[in-house]
């Protein structure tokens, strides 16, 4: 016997067309890289539930489908990422982006709390403290740039890196498709 309630089944049913659409082009590579899908999915379901009116509304006109909530959230997310990409234009040189990409050669970046791109780059070079790197060196400058990124800017950078590793396109073409401009050397 399933532990899923009738209401939860209806909610899952409401998501079916959306989930089918989203999975049509899925190839399953995420299974290789995704180490915590159940925790992420649980958090997403909870976030949707508090946003669709299913927990506290008695008035049906205030109840929205999970599909609508997800579509709305994705639209906002992609807009935030687009704006954040614009805000980091001309901050990183092409060679700095290559260092960032080589610090995590994966189409999926770890988004655990406390994991940052600056930390990944530092770890790739065996650095524990910024003071371990010569001030003014290229690596010191790059790590300082990464540390100064806002969470949204860092999410945009991660999104760009993941998109790079998921596509067979040159670095310049891939980043240009996201309207990203490299800093001059």
N, C-alpha and C. Protein backbone atom coordinates (compact mmCIF):
# COMPACT_ATOMS: atom_id res chain seq x y z
N UNK A 1 0.84 -1.19 0.00
CA UNK A 1 0.00 0.00 0.00
C UNK A 1 0.89 1.25 0.00
N UNK A 2 0.56 2.19 -0.81
CA UNK A 2 1.35 3.41 -0.94
C UNK A 2 1.09 4.36 0.21
N UNK A 3 2.11 5.13 0.59
CA UNK A 3 1.98 6.15 1.62
C UNK A 3 1.57 7.50 1.03
N UNK A 4 1.25 7.54 -0.25
CA UNK A 4 0.88 8.77 -0.93
C UNK A 4 -0.63 8.96 -0.79
N UNK A 5 -1.04 10.14 -0.29
CA UNK A 5 -2.46 10.42 -0.10
C UNK A 5 -3.15 10.68 -1.44
N UNK A 6 -4.48 10.67 -1.41
CA UNK A 6 -5.26 10.93 -2.62
C UNK A 6 -4.96 12.34 -3.15
N UNK A 7 -4.86 13.32 -2.25
CA UNK A 7 -4.54 14.69 -2.68
C UNK A 7 -3.16 14.77 -3.32
N UNK A 8 -2.19 14.04 -2.73
CA UNK A 8 -0.85 14.03 -3.30
C UNK A 8 -0.85 13.37 -4.68
N UNK A 9 -1.67 12.33 -4.84
CA UNK A 9 -1.78 11.67 -6.14
C UNK A 9 -2.37 12.63 -7.18
N UNK A 10 -3.39 13.42 -6.76
CA UNK A 10 -3.96 14.39 -7.68
C UNK A 10 -2.92 15.44 -8.05
N UNK A 11 -2.12 15.86 -7.07
CA UNK A 11 -1.09 16.86 -7.33
C UNK A 11 -0.05 16.30 -8.29
N UNK A 12 0.35 15.03 -8.09
CA UNK A 12 1.29 14.38 -9.00
C UNK A 12 0.66 14.29 -10.38
N UNK A 13 -0.63 13.97 -10.43
CA UNK A 13 -1.34 13.91 -11.70
C UNK A 13 -1.33 15.24 -12.41
N UNK A 14 -1.46 16.33 -11.67
CA UNK A 14 -1.42 17.66 -12.28
C UNK A 14 -0.06 17.96 -12.89
N UNK A 15 0.98 17.34 -12.37
CA UNK A 15 2.34 17.58 -12.86
C UNK A 15 2.68 16.70 -14.06
N UNK A 16 1.91 15.64 -14.30
CA UNK A 16 2.28 14.65 -15.31
C UNK A 16 2.56 15.25 -16.69
N UNK A 17 1.66 16.06 -17.28
CA UNK A 17 1.98 16.59 -18.62
C UNK A 17 3.26 17.44 -18.61
N UNK A 18 3.44 18.22 -17.56
CA UNK A 18 4.63 19.07 -17.47
C UNK A 18 5.88 18.21 -17.37
N UNK A 19 5.84 17.21 -16.49
CA UNK A 19 7.00 16.35 -16.30
C UNK A 19 7.31 15.55 -17.56
N UNK A 20 6.27 15.11 -18.27
CA UNK A 20 6.49 14.39 -19.53
C UNK A 20 7.17 15.30 -20.54
N UNK A 21 6.69 16.53 -20.62
CA UNK A 21 7.29 17.48 -21.55
C UNK A 21 8.76 17.71 -21.20
N UNK A 22 9.03 17.87 -19.90
CA UNK A 22 10.39 18.16 -19.45
C UNK A 22 11.33 16.98 -19.68
N UNK A 23 10.80 15.74 -19.67
CA UNK A 23 11.67 14.57 -19.77
C UNK A 23 11.80 14.03 -21.19
N UNK A 24 11.11 14.62 -22.16
CA UNK A 24 11.16 14.10 -23.53
C UNK A 24 12.58 14.06 -24.08
N UNK A 25 13.40 15.06 -23.77
CA UNK A 25 14.74 15.08 -24.32
C UNK A 25 15.79 14.62 -23.31
N UNK A 26 15.35 14.12 -22.16
CA UNK A 26 16.30 13.68 -21.14
C UNK A 26 17.02 12.42 -21.59
N UNK A 27 18.31 12.37 -21.34
CA UNK A 27 19.09 11.21 -21.72
C UNK A 27 19.53 10.41 -20.50
N UNK A 28 19.31 10.95 -19.32
CA UNK A 28 19.62 10.20 -18.11
C UNK A 28 21.02 10.38 -17.57
N UNK A 29 21.82 11.26 -18.15
CA UNK A 29 23.19 11.45 -17.68
C UNK A 29 23.22 11.97 -16.25
N UNK A 30 22.14 12.65 -15.83
CA UNK A 30 22.13 13.18 -14.48
C UNK A 30 22.26 12.08 -13.43
N UNK A 31 21.90 10.86 -13.78
CA UNK A 31 22.01 9.75 -12.82
C UNK A 31 23.46 9.49 -12.44
N UNK A 32 24.38 9.82 -13.32
CA UNK A 32 25.80 9.62 -13.05
C UNK A 32 26.32 10.67 -12.07
N UNK A 33 25.79 11.89 -12.14
CA UNK A 33 26.34 13.02 -11.40
C UNK A 33 25.53 13.43 -10.18
N UNK A 34 24.26 13.07 -10.15
CA UNK A 34 23.36 13.57 -9.12
C UNK A 34 23.42 12.67 -7.89
N UNK A 35 24.04 13.16 -6.83
CA UNK A 35 24.25 12.35 -5.64
C UNK A 35 23.19 12.54 -4.56
N UNK A 36 22.27 13.47 -4.74
CA UNK A 36 21.28 13.73 -3.69
C UNK A 36 19.93 14.10 -4.29
N UNK A 37 19.41 13.28 -5.22
CA UNK A 37 18.15 13.67 -5.86
C UNK A 37 16.96 13.67 -4.90
N UNK A 38 16.90 12.74 -3.98
CA UNK A 38 15.72 12.66 -3.11
C UNK A 38 15.60 13.89 -2.21
N UNK A 39 16.71 14.39 -1.70
CA UNK A 39 16.67 15.59 -0.86
C UNK A 39 16.26 16.82 -1.65
N UNK A 40 16.79 16.94 -2.86
CA UNK A 40 16.44 18.07 -3.71
C UNK A 40 14.96 18.01 -4.10
N UNK A 41 14.50 16.84 -4.50
CA UNK A 41 13.10 16.69 -4.92
C UNK A 41 12.16 16.94 -3.75
N UNK A 42 12.51 16.47 -2.58
CA UNK A 42 11.69 16.72 -1.40
C UNK A 42 11.60 18.22 -1.10
N UNK A 43 12.72 18.91 -1.18
CA UNK A 43 12.73 20.36 -0.93
C UNK A 43 11.90 21.09 -1.98
N UNK A 44 11.99 20.64 -3.24
CA UNK A 44 11.22 21.28 -4.31
C UNK A 44 9.73 21.06 -4.10
N UNK A 45 9.35 19.84 -3.75
CA UNK A 45 7.92 19.56 -3.51
C UNK A 45 7.38 20.42 -2.38
N UNK A 46 8.16 20.56 -1.32
CA UNK A 46 7.73 21.39 -0.20
C UNK A 46 7.59 22.85 -0.63
N UNK A 47 8.56 23.33 -1.40
CA UNK A 47 8.51 24.72 -1.87
C UNK A 47 7.30 24.96 -2.77
N UNK A 48 6.96 23.98 -3.61
CA UNK A 48 5.80 24.11 -4.48
C UNK A 48 4.52 24.12 -3.65
N UNK A 49 4.45 23.23 -2.69
CA UNK A 49 3.23 23.10 -1.88
C UNK A 49 2.90 24.39 -1.13
N UNK A 50 3.91 25.08 -0.62
CA UNK A 50 3.63 26.32 0.11
C UNK A 50 3.30 27.47 -0.83
N UNK A 51 3.56 27.29 -2.13
CA UNK A 51 3.29 28.34 -3.10
C UNK A 51 2.01 28.13 -3.91
N UNK A 52 1.49 26.91 -3.94
CA UNK A 52 0.33 26.67 -4.80
C UNK A 52 -1.01 26.80 -4.08
N UNK A 53 -0.98 27.10 -2.80
CA UNK A 53 -2.22 27.29 -2.06
C UNK A 53 -2.84 26.02 -1.54
N UNK A 54 -2.17 24.90 -1.66
CA UNK A 54 -2.77 23.63 -1.23
C UNK A 54 -2.72 23.44 0.28
N UNK A 55 -1.88 24.18 0.97
CA UNK A 55 -1.76 23.99 2.42
C UNK A 55 -2.76 24.80 3.23
N UNK A 56 -3.03 26.04 2.82
CA UNK A 56 -3.78 26.91 3.73
C UNK A 56 -5.00 27.58 3.11
N UNK A 57 -5.28 27.35 1.86
CA UNK A 57 -6.40 28.05 1.26
C UNK A 57 -7.66 27.20 1.25
N UNK A 58 -8.76 27.81 1.53
CA UNK A 58 -10.05 27.13 1.44
C UNK A 58 -10.78 27.53 0.16
N UNK A 59 -10.39 28.65 -0.38
CA UNK A 59 -11.04 29.18 -1.57
C UNK A 59 -10.37 28.60 -2.82
N UNK A 60 -11.09 27.84 -3.64
CA UNK A 60 -10.49 27.20 -4.81
C UNK A 60 -9.87 28.19 -5.82
N UNK A 61 -10.34 29.43 -5.83
CA UNK A 61 -9.75 30.38 -6.78
C UNK A 61 -8.33 30.78 -6.37
N UNK A 62 -7.93 30.44 -5.16
CA UNK A 62 -6.57 30.72 -4.69
C UNK A 62 -5.66 29.51 -4.78
N UNK A 63 -6.14 28.42 -5.36
CA UNK A 63 -5.36 27.19 -5.52
C UNK A 63 -4.81 27.14 -6.94
N UNK A 64 -3.51 26.96 -7.08
CA UNK A 64 -2.87 26.91 -8.38
C UNK A 64 -2.21 25.55 -8.58
N UNK A 65 -2.12 25.13 -9.82
CA UNK A 65 -1.48 23.84 -10.11
C UNK A 65 0.02 23.92 -9.83
N UNK A 66 0.58 22.77 -9.51
CA UNK A 66 2.02 22.71 -9.31
C UNK A 66 2.76 23.06 -10.58
N UNK A 67 2.20 22.67 -11.72
CA UNK A 67 2.83 23.00 -12.99
C UNK A 67 2.96 24.51 -13.15
N UNK A 68 1.91 25.26 -12.83
CA UNK A 68 1.97 26.71 -12.94
C UNK A 68 3.04 27.28 -12.02
N UNK A 69 3.09 26.78 -10.79
CA UNK A 69 4.08 27.27 -9.82
C UNK A 69 5.50 27.00 -10.33
N UNK A 70 5.72 25.80 -10.88
CA UNK A 70 7.05 25.46 -11.39
C UNK A 70 7.40 26.33 -12.59
N UNK A 71 6.45 26.50 -13.51
CA UNK A 71 6.71 27.34 -14.68
C UNK A 71 7.03 28.78 -14.27
N UNK A 72 6.27 29.30 -13.32
CA UNK A 72 6.50 30.66 -12.84
C UNK A 72 7.89 30.78 -12.19
N UNK A 73 8.24 29.79 -11.37
CA UNK A 73 9.54 29.81 -10.69
C UNK A 73 10.68 29.71 -11.71
N UNK A 74 10.52 28.85 -12.71
CA UNK A 74 11.56 28.72 -13.73
C UNK A 74 11.71 29.99 -14.54
N UNK A 75 10.59 30.62 -14.88
CA UNK A 75 10.66 31.89 -15.61
C UNK A 75 11.44 32.93 -14.80
N UNK A 76 11.15 33.02 -13.51
CA UNK A 76 11.87 33.96 -12.64
C UNK A 76 13.35 33.60 -12.55
N UNK A 77 13.63 32.30 -12.37
CA UNK A 77 15.01 31.84 -12.25
C UNK A 77 15.81 32.20 -13.50
N UNK A 78 15.27 31.86 -14.67
CA UNK A 78 16.00 32.13 -15.91
C UNK A 78 16.19 33.63 -16.13
N UNK A 79 15.22 34.43 -15.72
CA UNK A 79 15.38 35.89 -15.83
C UNK A 79 16.47 36.39 -14.88
N UNK A 80 16.48 35.86 -13.65
CA UNK A 80 17.53 36.25 -12.71
C UNK A 80 18.92 35.86 -13.22
N UNK A 81 19.02 34.67 -13.79
CA UNK A 81 20.30 34.21 -14.33
C UNK A 81 20.73 35.11 -15.49
N UNK A 82 19.79 35.44 -16.38
CA UNK A 82 20.11 36.33 -17.52
C UNK A 82 20.65 37.66 -17.01
N UNK A 83 19.97 38.23 -16.01
CA UNK A 83 20.42 39.52 -15.46
C UNK A 83 21.78 39.39 -14.77
N UNK A 84 21.97 38.29 -14.08
CA UNK A 84 23.25 38.09 -13.39
C UNK A 84 24.38 37.92 -14.39
N UNK A 85 24.12 37.23 -15.51
CA UNK A 85 25.15 37.11 -16.55
C UNK A 85 25.53 38.49 -17.05
N UNK A 86 24.53 39.34 -17.29
CA UNK A 86 24.81 40.71 -17.72
C UNK A 86 25.69 41.44 -16.69
N UNK A 87 25.43 41.19 -15.41
CA UNK A 87 26.17 41.91 -14.37
C UNK A 87 27.61 41.44 -14.21
N UNK A 88 27.92 40.23 -14.72
CA UNK A 88 29.31 39.76 -14.61
C UNK A 88 30.05 39.85 -15.95
N UNK A 89 29.41 40.46 -16.94
CA UNK A 89 30.09 40.68 -18.21
C UNK A 89 31.37 41.46 -17.98
N UNK A 90 32.40 41.09 -18.68
CA UNK A 90 33.70 41.78 -18.68
C UNK A 90 34.40 41.73 -17.33
N UNK A 91 34.01 40.81 -16.45
CA UNK A 91 34.74 40.64 -15.18
C UNK A 91 35.84 39.59 -15.34
N UNK A 92 35.54 38.51 -16.06
CA UNK A 92 36.47 37.39 -16.18
C UNK A 92 37.07 37.33 -17.59
N UNK A 93 38.38 37.11 -17.64
CA UNK A 93 39.04 36.92 -18.93
C UNK A 93 38.77 35.50 -19.42
N UNK A 94 39.05 35.25 -20.68
CA UNK A 94 38.87 33.91 -21.22
C UNK A 94 39.74 32.90 -20.47
N UNK A 95 40.97 33.27 -20.15
CA UNK A 95 41.87 32.34 -19.44
C UNK A 95 41.36 32.08 -18.01
N UNK A 96 40.76 33.08 -17.36
CA UNK A 96 40.19 32.87 -16.02
C UNK A 96 39.00 31.91 -16.10
N UNK A 97 38.19 32.05 -17.13
CA UNK A 97 37.06 31.13 -17.29
C UNK A 97 37.57 29.71 -17.51
N UNK A 98 38.66 29.56 -18.25
CA UNK A 98 39.24 28.22 -18.45
C UNK A 98 39.70 27.63 -17.12
N UNK A 99 40.29 28.45 -16.26
CA UNK A 99 40.71 27.96 -14.93
C UNK A 99 39.48 27.50 -14.14
N UNK A 100 38.41 28.28 -14.20
CA UNK A 100 37.16 27.93 -13.50
C UNK A 100 36.61 26.62 -14.05
N UNK A 101 36.55 26.49 -15.37
CA UNK A 101 36.03 25.27 -15.99
C UNK A 101 36.88 24.05 -15.63
N UNK A 102 38.20 24.23 -15.60
CA UNK A 102 39.08 23.11 -15.29
C UNK A 102 39.07 22.71 -13.82
N UNK A 103 38.57 23.59 -12.96
CA UNK A 103 38.47 23.26 -11.54
C UNK A 103 37.36 22.25 -11.29
N UNK A 104 36.42 22.16 -12.20
CA UNK A 104 35.31 21.21 -12.06
C UNK A 104 34.85 20.81 -13.46
N UNK A 105 35.51 19.84 -14.02
CA UNK A 105 35.21 19.39 -15.39
C UNK A 105 33.99 18.48 -15.38
N UNK A 106 32.85 19.07 -15.08
CA UNK A 106 31.64 18.27 -14.93
C UNK A 106 30.42 19.05 -15.40
N UNK A 107 29.46 18.37 -16.01
CA UNK A 107 28.23 19.05 -16.42
C UNK A 107 27.28 19.32 -15.26
N UNK A 108 27.67 18.90 -14.05
CA UNK A 108 26.87 19.16 -12.86
C UNK A 108 27.80 19.67 -11.77
N UNK A 109 27.51 20.85 -11.28
CA UNK A 109 28.30 21.43 -10.19
C UNK A 109 27.62 21.14 -8.86
N UNK A 110 28.42 20.96 -7.84
CA UNK A 110 27.91 20.69 -6.50
C UNK A 110 27.32 21.97 -5.93
N UNK A 111 26.04 21.94 -5.60
CA UNK A 111 25.40 23.14 -5.06
C UNK A 111 25.11 23.01 -3.57
N UNK A 112 25.91 22.18 -2.89
CA UNK A 112 25.75 22.03 -1.45
C UNK A 112 26.10 23.34 -0.75
N UNK A 113 25.50 23.52 0.41
CA UNK A 113 25.78 24.71 1.21
C UNK A 113 27.28 24.75 1.52
N UNK A 114 27.87 25.90 1.29
CA UNK A 114 29.28 26.07 1.58
C UNK A 114 30.21 25.79 0.42
N UNK A 115 29.71 25.16 -0.65
CA UNK A 115 30.55 24.90 -1.82
C UNK A 115 30.43 26.10 -2.74
N UNK A 116 31.57 26.71 -3.04
CA UNK A 116 31.59 27.89 -3.91
C UNK A 116 32.55 27.65 -5.06
N UNK A 117 32.40 28.43 -6.10
CA UNK A 117 33.32 28.34 -7.23
C UNK A 117 34.72 28.76 -6.76
N UNK A 118 34.80 29.77 -5.93
CA UNK A 118 36.11 30.19 -5.39
C UNK A 118 36.76 29.03 -4.65
N UNK A 119 35.98 28.31 -3.86
CA UNK A 119 36.49 27.15 -3.12
C UNK A 119 36.94 26.03 -4.04
N UNK A 120 36.19 25.81 -5.14
CA UNK A 120 36.57 24.77 -6.10
C UNK A 120 37.89 25.12 -6.79
N UNK A 121 38.04 26.38 -7.18
CA UNK A 121 39.28 26.82 -7.83
C UNK A 121 40.44 26.70 -6.85
N UNK A 122 40.25 27.17 -5.63
CA UNK A 122 41.31 27.09 -4.62
C UNK A 122 41.70 25.63 -4.37
N UNK A 123 40.71 24.76 -4.21
CA UNK A 123 40.99 23.34 -3.95
C UNK A 123 41.74 22.71 -5.12
N UNK A 124 41.39 23.12 -6.34
CA UNK A 124 42.06 22.57 -7.52
C UNK A 124 43.55 22.89 -7.51
N UNK A 125 43.92 24.00 -6.87
CA UNK A 125 45.32 24.39 -6.78
C UNK A 125 45.94 24.02 -5.42
N UNK A 126 45.18 23.32 -4.59
CA UNK A 126 45.69 22.91 -3.29
C UNK A 126 45.82 24.04 -2.29
N UNK A 127 44.97 25.05 -2.45
CA UNK A 127 45.04 26.25 -1.60
C UNK A 127 43.96 26.17 -0.51
N UNK A 128 44.36 26.41 0.72
CA UNK A 128 43.39 26.43 1.82
C UNK A 128 43.00 27.84 2.21
N UNK A 129 43.94 28.78 2.14
CA UNK A 129 43.69 30.16 2.51
C UNK A 129 44.13 31.09 1.39
N UNK A 130 43.39 32.15 1.19
CA UNK A 130 43.76 33.11 0.16
C UNK A 130 45.15 33.69 0.43
N UNK A 131 45.51 33.80 1.69
CA UNK A 131 46.84 34.32 2.04
C UNK A 131 47.97 33.39 1.61
N UNK A 132 47.63 32.13 1.23
CA UNK A 132 48.63 31.19 0.72
C UNK A 132 49.04 31.51 -0.72
N UNK A 133 48.31 32.41 -1.36
CA UNK A 133 48.56 32.76 -2.76
C UNK A 133 49.20 34.15 -2.80
N UNK A 134 50.21 34.29 -3.62
CA UNK A 134 50.90 35.58 -3.75
C UNK A 134 49.92 36.66 -4.16
N UNK A 135 49.87 37.73 -3.36
CA UNK A 135 48.98 38.85 -3.67
C UNK A 135 49.39 39.46 -5.01
N UNK A 136 48.39 39.73 -5.84
CA UNK A 136 48.65 40.29 -7.16
C UNK A 136 48.85 39.25 -8.24
N UNK A 137 49.00 37.97 -7.85
CA UNK A 137 49.15 36.92 -8.86
C UNK A 137 47.81 36.72 -9.57
N UNK A 138 47.87 36.14 -10.75
CA UNK A 138 46.63 35.88 -11.51
C UNK A 138 45.64 35.05 -10.72
N UNK A 139 46.15 34.05 -10.01
CA UNK A 139 45.26 33.19 -9.23
C UNK A 139 44.62 33.95 -8.07
N UNK A 140 45.39 34.78 -7.40
CA UNK A 140 44.88 35.59 -6.30
C UNK A 140 43.78 36.54 -6.81
N UNK A 141 44.04 37.16 -7.94
CA UNK A 141 43.06 38.08 -8.53
C UNK A 141 41.78 37.34 -8.88
N UNK A 142 41.90 36.15 -9.49
CA UNK A 142 40.72 35.36 -9.86
C UNK A 142 39.91 34.96 -8.63
N UNK A 143 40.59 34.46 -7.62
CA UNK A 143 39.86 34.02 -6.41
C UNK A 143 39.18 35.21 -5.74
N UNK A 144 39.83 36.37 -5.72
CA UNK A 144 39.18 37.56 -5.16
C UNK A 144 37.93 37.94 -5.96
N UNK A 145 38.01 37.85 -7.28
CA UNK A 145 36.83 38.14 -8.11
C UNK A 145 35.69 37.18 -7.77
N UNK A 146 36.02 35.91 -7.63
CA UNK A 146 35.00 34.90 -7.33
C UNK A 146 34.38 35.10 -5.95
N UNK A 147 35.20 35.47 -4.98
CA UNK A 147 34.71 35.71 -3.62
C UNK A 147 33.71 36.86 -3.59
N UNK A 148 33.94 37.86 -4.43
CA UNK A 148 33.08 39.05 -4.45
C UNK A 148 31.73 38.85 -5.15
N UNK A 149 31.54 37.72 -5.83
CA UNK A 149 30.28 37.48 -6.53
C UNK A 149 29.12 37.34 -5.55
N UNK A 150 27.99 37.88 -5.93
CA UNK A 150 26.77 37.67 -5.13
C UNK A 150 26.31 36.23 -5.36
N UNK A 151 25.44 35.70 -4.52
CA UNK A 151 24.93 34.34 -4.75
C UNK A 151 24.27 34.19 -6.13
N UNK A 152 23.56 35.19 -6.59
CA UNK A 152 22.91 35.11 -7.91
C UNK A 152 23.95 35.13 -9.03
N UNK A 153 24.99 35.95 -8.89
CA UNK A 153 26.05 35.98 -9.89
C UNK A 153 26.79 34.64 -9.92
N UNK A 154 27.02 34.07 -8.75
CA UNK A 154 27.68 32.76 -8.71
C UNK A 154 26.80 31.70 -9.36
N UNK A 155 25.50 31.74 -9.11
CA UNK A 155 24.58 30.79 -9.75
C UNK A 155 24.63 30.94 -11.27
N UNK A 156 24.73 32.18 -11.75
CA UNK A 156 24.82 32.41 -13.20
C UNK A 156 26.12 31.84 -13.75
N UNK A 157 27.21 32.03 -13.03
CA UNK A 157 28.50 31.50 -13.47
C UNK A 157 28.44 29.97 -13.51
N UNK A 158 27.88 29.36 -12.49
CA UNK A 158 27.72 27.91 -12.45
C UNK A 158 26.85 27.44 -13.62
N UNK A 159 25.75 28.14 -13.86
CA UNK A 159 24.86 27.80 -14.97
C UNK A 159 25.62 27.84 -16.29
N UNK A 160 26.43 28.86 -16.49
CA UNK A 160 27.21 28.98 -17.73
C UNK A 160 28.22 27.84 -17.84
N UNK A 161 28.86 27.49 -16.74
CA UNK A 161 29.84 26.40 -16.77
C UNK A 161 29.16 25.06 -17.06
N UNK A 162 28.05 24.81 -16.41
CA UNK A 162 27.33 23.56 -16.68
C UNK A 162 26.89 23.50 -18.14
N UNK A 163 26.41 24.59 -18.66
CA UNK A 163 25.99 24.62 -20.07
C UNK A 163 27.18 24.37 -21.00
N UNK A 164 28.33 24.89 -20.62
CA UNK A 164 29.53 24.63 -21.43
C UNK A 164 29.82 23.14 -21.48
N UNK A 165 29.84 22.48 -20.31
CA UNK A 165 30.19 21.06 -20.26
C UNK A 165 29.11 20.17 -20.89
N UNK A 166 27.90 20.67 -21.03
CA UNK A 166 26.81 19.87 -21.61
C UNK A 166 26.68 20.03 -23.12
N UNK A 167 27.45 20.92 -23.70
CA UNK A 167 27.34 21.20 -25.14
C UNK A 167 28.68 21.01 -25.81
N UNK A 168 28.64 20.57 -27.06
CA UNK A 168 29.86 20.43 -27.85
C UNK A 168 30.06 21.67 -28.71
N UNK A 169 30.29 22.78 -28.04
CA UNK A 169 30.47 24.06 -28.72
C UNK A 169 31.72 24.71 -28.14
N UNK A 170 32.40 25.49 -28.92
CA UNK A 170 33.61 26.15 -28.43
C UNK A 170 33.27 27.07 -27.25
N UNK A 171 34.28 27.36 -26.46
CA UNK A 171 34.11 28.23 -25.30
C UNK A 171 33.51 29.57 -25.71
N UNK A 172 34.10 30.20 -26.70
CA UNK A 172 33.62 31.52 -27.13
C UNK A 172 32.19 31.46 -27.63
N UNK A 173 31.88 30.47 -28.46
CA UNK A 173 30.51 30.35 -29.00
C UNK A 173 29.51 30.07 -27.89
N UNK A 174 29.88 29.19 -26.97
CA UNK A 174 28.97 28.84 -25.88
C UNK A 174 28.66 30.05 -25.01
N UNK A 175 29.68 30.76 -24.58
CA UNK A 175 29.47 31.90 -23.70
C UNK A 175 28.83 33.07 -24.46
N UNK A 176 29.14 33.20 -25.75
CA UNK A 176 28.49 34.25 -26.56
C UNK A 176 27.00 33.97 -26.68
N UNK A 177 26.60 32.69 -26.74
CA UNK A 177 25.18 32.36 -26.85
C UNK A 177 24.40 32.78 -25.60
N UNK A 178 25.13 33.01 -24.51
CA UNK A 178 24.51 33.48 -23.27
C UNK A 178 24.71 34.97 -23.08
N UNK A 179 25.17 35.63 -24.13
CA UNK A 179 25.43 37.08 -24.11
C UNK A 179 26.49 37.47 -23.07
N UNK A 180 27.44 36.58 -22.87
CA UNK A 180 28.54 36.84 -21.95
C UNK A 180 29.71 37.40 -22.73
N UNK A 181 30.32 38.44 -22.18
CA UNK A 181 31.50 39.06 -22.80
C UNK A 181 32.70 38.88 -21.88
N UNK A 182 33.79 38.39 -22.44
CA UNK A 182 35.02 38.23 -21.65
C UNK A 182 35.67 39.58 -21.42
N UNK A 183 36.36 39.68 -20.29
CA UNK A 183 37.16 40.88 -20.00
C UNK A 183 38.39 40.85 -20.91
N UNK A 184 38.86 42.03 -21.22
CA UNK A 184 40.10 42.13 -21.99
C UNK A 184 41.28 41.81 -21.09
N UNK A 185 42.29 41.20 -21.65
CA UNK A 185 43.50 40.85 -20.87
C UNK A 185 44.30 42.07 -20.51
